Amino acid sequence: MTDTPGAGGPRTSGTPGFERGTDGPRVIVVGFDGTPPSERAAAYAAGLARRQGARLVAAHVVAPSALAMLSSAPIEQTLDEIAGELRRQIADEADRLGIRAEFLARRGDPFLELTRMCTELLADAVVVGASASAGHRIMGSLAVRLVRCGRWPVTVVP
């Protein structure tokens, strides 16, 4: 174990710590599904990325449902069309703001896929919209689960 000052305490060599040797975030991941809370989160994250000179990654995760598991062509086509429209929306706003942004779409559990993306991208910050769903009372909201994970600073935008 080595103790790296300013890096959040002891860590094992080869294990990435929170501090990556930069001032401010370099990669900001925002959960984006086109709902009003996610649009507000994306706007906040885009402003943060613009001010910090960071790369913005809009993460769109479609949770599997009983209907989607049937893998019917119309459902798949609709999901692809939605992702395409969200991709265009992100690209247009990134061009307008003059920031580097990309769009990643995946299918699966939103928490697991978002944490996987953040790990792969070496994310420095995560931004999500506050949950508008009543179902989060059972499973816990995505935001709460990300905060409890404790691997990245998480901003929850109302």
C-alpha atoms as a PDB file:
ATOM      1  CA  MET A   1       0.000   0.000   0.000  1.00  0.00           C
ATOM      2  CA  THR A   2       1.142   3.496  -0.724  1.00  0.00           C
ATOM      3  CA  ASP A   3      -0.138   6.684   0.792  1.00  0.00           C
ATOM      4  CA  THR A   4      -0.649   9.359  -1.823  1.00  0.00           C
ATOM      5  CA  PRO A   5      -1.100  12.830  -0.298  1.00  0.00           C
ATOM      6  CA  GLY A   6      -4.202  14.600  -1.570  1.00  0.00           C
ATOM      7  CA  ALA A   7      -5.546  11.475  -3.196  1.00  0.00           C
ATOM      8  CA  GLY A   8      -8.028  10.493  -0.552  1.00  0.00           C
ATOM      9  CA  GLY A   9      -5.693   8.450   1.647  1.00  0.00           C
ATOM     10  CA  PRO A  10      -4.053   5.057   1.277  1.00  0.00           C
ATOM     11  CA  ARG A  11      -4.444   3.042  -1.869  1.00  0.00           C
ATOM     12  CA  THR A  12      -2.799   0.049  -3.435  1.00  0.00           C
ATOM     13  CA  SER A  13      -0.438   0.656  -6.319  1.00  0.00           C
ATOM     14  CA  GLY A  14      -2.148   0.063  -9.653  1.00  0.00           C
ATOM     15  CA  THR A  15      -5.586   0.827  -8.211  1.00  0.00           C
ATOM     16  CA  PRO A  16      -6.950   4.071  -9.606  1.00  0.00           C
ATOM     17  CA  GLY A  17      -7.624   6.603  -6.874  1.00  0.00           C
ATOM     18  CA  PHE A  18      -9.955   9.543  -7.038  1.00  0.00           C
ATOM     19  CA  GLU A  19      -7.230  12.077  -7.882  1.00  0.00           C
ATOM     20  CA  ARG A  20      -5.942  11.770 -11.425  1.00  0.00           C
ATOM     21  CA  GLY A  21      -3.499  14.681 -11.343  1.00  0.00           C
ATOM     22  CA  THR A  22      -5.764  17.356 -12.817  1.00  0.00           C
ATOM     23  CA  ASP A  23      -7.597  20.393 -11.546  1.00  0.00           C
ATOM     24  CA  GLY A  24     -11.290  19.848 -12.020  1.00  0.00           C
ATOM     25  CA  PRO A  25     -13.121  17.129 -13.886  1.00  0.00           C
ATOM     26  CA  ARG A  26     -11.890  15.895 -17.282  1.00  0.00           C
ATOM     27  CA  VAL A  27     -14.796  13.517 -17.993  1.00  0.00           C
ATOM     28  CA  ILE A  28     -18.341  14.241 -16.843  1.00  0.00           C
ATOM     29  CA  VAL A  29     -20.987  11.561 -17.320  1.00  0.00           C
ATOM     30  CA  VAL A  30     -24.631  12.597 -17.340  1.00  0.00           C
ATOM     31  CA  GLY A  31     -27.569  10.204 -17.264  1.00  0.00           C
ATOM     32  CA  PHE A  32     -29.871  11.259 -20.103  1.00  0.00           C
ATOM     33  CA  ASP A  33     -33.173   9.763 -21.191  1.00  0.00           C
ATOM     34  CA  GLY A  34     -35.034  12.785 -22.541  1.00  0.00           C
ATOM     35  CA  THR A  35     -37.230  13.314 -19.466  1.00  0.00           C
ATOM     36  CA  PRO A  36     -37.401  16.834 -17.984  1.00  0.00           C
ATOM     37  CA  PRO A  37     -35.182  15.928 -14.975  1.00  0.00           C
ATOM     38  CA  SER A  38     -32.549  14.412 -17.290  1.00  0.00           C
ATOM     39  CA  GLU A  39     -32.709  17.457 -19.588  1.00  0.00           C
ATOM     40  CA  ARG A  40     -32.035  19.723 -16.595  1.00  0.00           C
ATOM     41  CA  ALA A  41     -29.179  17.429 -15.529  1.00  0.00           C
ATOM     42  CA  ALA A  42     -27.742  17.536 -19.065  1.00  0.00           C
ATOM     43  CA  ALA A  43     -27.954  21.343 -19.133  1.00  0.00           C
ATOM     44  CA  TYR A  44     -26.158  21.558 -15.788  1.00  0.00           C
ATOM     45  CA  ALA A  45     -23.511  19.033 -16.869  1.00  0.00           C
ATOM     46  CA  ALA A  46     -22.997  20.842 -20.193  1.00  0.00           C
ATOM     47  CA  GLY A  47     -22.407  24.129 -18.374  1.00  0.00           C
ATOM     48  CA  LEU A  48     -19.963  22.423 -16.032  1.00  0.00           C
ATOM     49  CA  ALA A  49     -18.161  20.783 -18.976  1.00  0.00           C
ATOM     50  CA  ARG A  50     -17.961  24.110 -20.812  1.00  0.00           C
ATOM     51  CA  ARG A  51     -16.541  25.958 -17.805  1.00  0.00           C
ATOM     52  CA  GLN A  52     -14.067  23.182 -16.942  1.00  0.00           C
ATOM     53  CA  GLY A  53     -13.055  22.311 -20.505  1.00  0.00           C
ATOM     54  CA  ALA A  54     -14.170  18.741 -19.794  1.00  0.00           C
ATOM     55  CA  ARG A  55     -15.513  16.044 -22.072  1.00  0.00           C
ATOM     56  CA  LEU A  56     -19.227  15.389 -21.604  1.00  0.00           C
ATOM     57  CA  VAL A  57     -20.616  11.896 -22.046  1.00  0.00           C
ATOM     58  CA  ALA A  58     -24.393  11.546 -22.186  1.00  0.00           C
ATOM     59  CA  ALA A  59     -25.297   8.046 -21.044  1.00  0.00           C
ATOM     60  CA  HIS A  60     -28.639   6.629 -22.159  1.00  0.00           C
ATOM     61  CA  VAL A  61     -29.568   3.306 -20.586  1.00  0.00           C
ATOM     62  CA  VAL A  62     -32.760   1.479 -21.447  1.00  0.00           C
ATOM     63  CA  ALA A  63     -33.842  -0.874 -18.683  1.00  0.00           C
ATOM     64  CA  PRO A  64     -35.087  -4.237 -19.856  1.00  0.00           C
ATOM     65  CA  SER A  65     -38.789  -4.759 -19.460  1.00  0.00           C
ATOM     66  CA  ALA A  66     -40.965  -7.802 -20.025  1.00  0.00           C
ATOM     67  CA  LEU A  67     -42.094  -6.269 -23.308  1.00  0.00           C
ATOM     68  CA  ALA A  68     -38.567  -5.477 -24.501  1.00  0.00           C
ATOM     69  CA  MET A  69     -37.337  -8.977 -23.624  1.00  0.00           C
ATOM     70  CA  LEU A  70     -39.542 -10.315 -26.391  1.00  0.00           C
ATOM     71  CA  SER A  71     -37.026  -8.751 -28.806  1.00  0.00           C
ATOM     72  CA  SER A  72     -39.678  -7.848 -31.303  1.00  0.00           C
ATOM     73  CA  ALA A  73     -38.451  -5.853 -34.282  1.00  0.00           C
ATOM     74  CA  PRO A  74     -40.868  -2.910 -33.778  1.00  0.00           C
ATOM     75  CA  ILE A  75     -39.790  -2.465 -30.157  1.00  0.00           C
ATOM     76  CA  GLU A  76     -36.098  -2.638 -31.069  1.00  0.00           C
ATOM     77  CA  GLN A  77     -36.637  -0.161 -33.910  1.00  0.00           C
ATOM     78  CA  THR A  78     -38.480   2.246 -31.617  1.00  0.00           C
ATOM     79  CA  LEU A  79     -35.733   2.055 -28.981  1.00  0.00           C
ATOM     80  CA  ASP A  80     -33.111   2.709 -31.668  1.00  0.00           C
ATOM     81  CA  GLU A  81     -35.106   5.684 -32.985  1.00  0.00           C
ATOM     82  CA  ILE A  82     -35.384   7.176 -29.497  1.00  0.00           C
ATOM     83  CA  ALA A  83     -31.642   6.760 -28.949  1.00  0.00           C
ATOM     84  CA  GLY A  84     -30.974   8.346 -32.354  1.00  0.00           C
ATOM     85  CA  GLU A  85     -33.121  11.362 -31.517  1.00  0.00           C
ATOM     86  CA  LEU A  86     -31.428  11.787 -28.145  1.00  0.00           C
ATOM     87  CA  ARG A  87     -28.023  11.481 -29.864  1.00  0.00           C
ATOM     88  CA  ARG A  88     -28.988  14.292 -32.286  1.00  0.00           C
ATOM     89  CA  GLN A  89     -30.236  16.437 -29.412  1.00  0.00           C
ATOM     90  CA  ILE A  90     -26.932  16.061 -27.543  1.00  0.00           C
ATOM     91  CA  ALA A  91     -24.875  16.741 -30.704  1.00  0.00           C
ATOM     92  CA  ASP A  92     -26.877  19.884 -31.530  1.00  0.00           C
ATOM     93  CA  GLU A  93     -26.533  21.286 -28.022  1.00  0.00           C
ATOM     94  CA  ALA A  94     -22.822  20.427 -27.874  1.00  0.00           C
ATOM     95  CA  ASP A  95     -22.233  22.258 -31.148  1.00  0.00           C
ATOM     96  CA  ARG A  96     -24.238  25.242 -29.917  1.00  0.00           C
ATOM     97  CA  LEU A  97     -22.253  25.398 -26.664  1.00  0.00           C
ATOM     98  CA  GLY A  98     -18.879  24.580 -28.233  1.00  0.00           C
ATOM     99  CA  ILE A  99     -18.161  21.595 -25.990  1.00  0.00           C
ATOM    100  CA  ARG A 100     -16.874  18.078 -26.590  1.00  0.00           C
ATOM    101  CA  ALA A 101     -19.737  15.658 -26.078  1.00  0.00           C
ATOM    102  CA  GLU A 102     -20.581  12.127 -27.008  1.00  0.00           C
ATOM    103  CA  PHE A 103     -23.596   9.890 -26.595  1.00  0.00           C
ATOM    104  CA  LEU A 104     -23.477   6.293 -25.413  1.00  0.00           C
ATOM    105  CA  ALA A 105     -26.544   4.041 -25.458  1.00  0.00           C
ATOM    106  CA  ARG A 106     -26.763   0.739 -23.653  1.00  0.00           C
ATOM    107  CA  ARG A 107     -29.409  -1.683 -22.486  1.00  0.00           C
ATOM    108  CA  GLY A 108     -29.561  -3.124 -19.010  1.00  0.00           C
ATOM    109  CA  ASP A 109     -29.931  -2.040 -15.414  1.00  0.00           C
ATOM    110  CA  PRO A 110     -29.365   1.747 -15.356  1.00  0.00           C
ATOM    111  CA  PHE A 111     -27.243   1.648 -12.185  1.00  0.00           C
ATOM    112  CA  LEU A 112     -25.008  -1.191 -13.356  1.00  0.00           C
ATOM    113  CA  GLU A 113     -24.565   0.199 -16.865  1.00  0.00           C
ATOM    114  CA  LEU A 114     -23.915   3.744 -15.657  1.00  0.00           C
ATOM    115  CA  THR A 115     -21.301   2.570 -13.148  1.00  0.00           C
ATOM    116  CA  ARG A 116     -19.722   0.388 -15.836  1.00  0.00           C
ATOM    117  CA  MET A 117     -19.530   3.361 -18.227  1.00  0.00           C
ATOM    118  CA  CYS A 118     -18.072   5.619 -15.534  1.00  0.00           C
ATOM    119  CA  THR A 119     -15.403   3.044 -14.740  1.00  0.00           C
ATOM    120  CA  GLU A 120     -14.514   2.509 -18.416  1.00  0.00           C
ATOM    121  CA  LEU A 121     -14.365   6.259 -19.112  1.00  0.00           C
ATOM    122  CA  LEU A 122     -12.453   7.098 -15.908  1.00  0.00           C
ATOM    123  CA  ALA A 123     -15.221   9.566 -15.089  1.00  0.00           C
ATOM    124  CA  ASP A 124     -14.450  12.350 -12.655  1.00  0.00           C
ATOM    125  CA  ALA A 125     -18.073  13.313 -11.983  1.00  0.00           C
ATOM    126  CA  VAL A 126     -21.593  11.988 -12.517  1.00  0.00           C
ATOM    127  CA  VAL A 127     -24.690  14.140 -12.974  1.00  0.00           C
ATOM    128  CA  VAL A 128     -28.232  12.761 -12.867  1.00  0.00           C
ATOM    129  CA  GLY A 129     -31.710  14.186 -12.613  1.00  0.00           C
ATOM    130  CA  ALA A 130     -33.813  13.670  -9.511  1.00  0.00           C
ATOM    131  CA  SER A 131     -36.125  10.696  -9.820  1.00  0.00           C
ATOM    132  CA  ALA A 132     -39.723  11.438 -10.724  1.00  0.00           C
ATOM    133  CA  SER A 133     -40.728   7.797 -10.336  1.00  0.00           C
ATOM    134  CA  ALA A 134     -42.686   6.312  -7.470  1.00  0.00           C
ATOM    135  CA  GLY A 135     -40.843   3.000  -8.026  1.00  0.00           C
ATOM    136  CA  HIS A 136     -37.630   4.405  -6.546  1.00  0.00           C
ATOM    137  CA  ARG A 137     -39.143   3.958  -3.092  1.00  0.00           C
ATOM    138  CA  ILE A 138     -38.763   0.197  -3.497  1.00  0.00           C
ATOM    139  CA  MET A 139     -35.411  -0.122  -5.294  1.00  0.00           C
ATOM    140  CA  GLY A 140     -33.934   3.248  -4.344  1.00  0.00           C
ATOM    141  CA  SER A 141     -33.419   5.986  -6.856  1.00  0.00           C
ATOM    142  CA  LEU A 142     -30.530   5.872  -9.295  1.00  0.00           C
ATOM    143  CA  ALA A 143     -29.080   8.978  -7.657  1.00  0.00           C
ATOM    144  CA  VAL A 144     -29.133   7.448  -4.167  1.00  0.00           C
ATOM    145  CA  ARG A 145     -27.581   4.234  -5.436  1.00  0.00           C
ATOM    146  CA  LEU A 146     -24.785   6.188  -7.160  1.00  0.00           C
ATOM    147  CA  VAL A 147     -24.100   8.220  -4.033  1.00  0.00           C
ATOM    148  CA  ARG A 148     -24.005   5.067  -1.899  1.00  0.00           C
ATOM    149  CA  CYS A 149     -21.594   3.497  -4.375  1.00  0.00           C
ATOM    150  CA  GLY A 150     -19.174   6.265  -3.385  1.00  0.00           C
ATOM    151  CA  ARG A 151     -16.874   6.028  -6.392  1.00  0.00           C
ATOM    152  CA  TRP A 152     -17.515   9.423  -7.998  1.00  0.00           C
ATOM    153  CA  PRO A 153     -18.829  12.820  -6.957  1.00  0.00           C
ATOM    154  CA  VAL A 154     -22.534  12.723  -7.832  1.00  0.00           C
ATOM    155  CA  THR A 155     -24.626  15.805  -8.532  1.00  0.00           C
ATOM    156  CA  VAL A 156     -28.393  15.374  -8.422  1.00  0.00           C
ATOM    157  CA  VAL A 157     -30.232  18.080 -10.325  1.00  0.00           C
ATOM    158  CA  PRO A 158     -33.854  18.698  -9.261  1.00  0.00           C
END
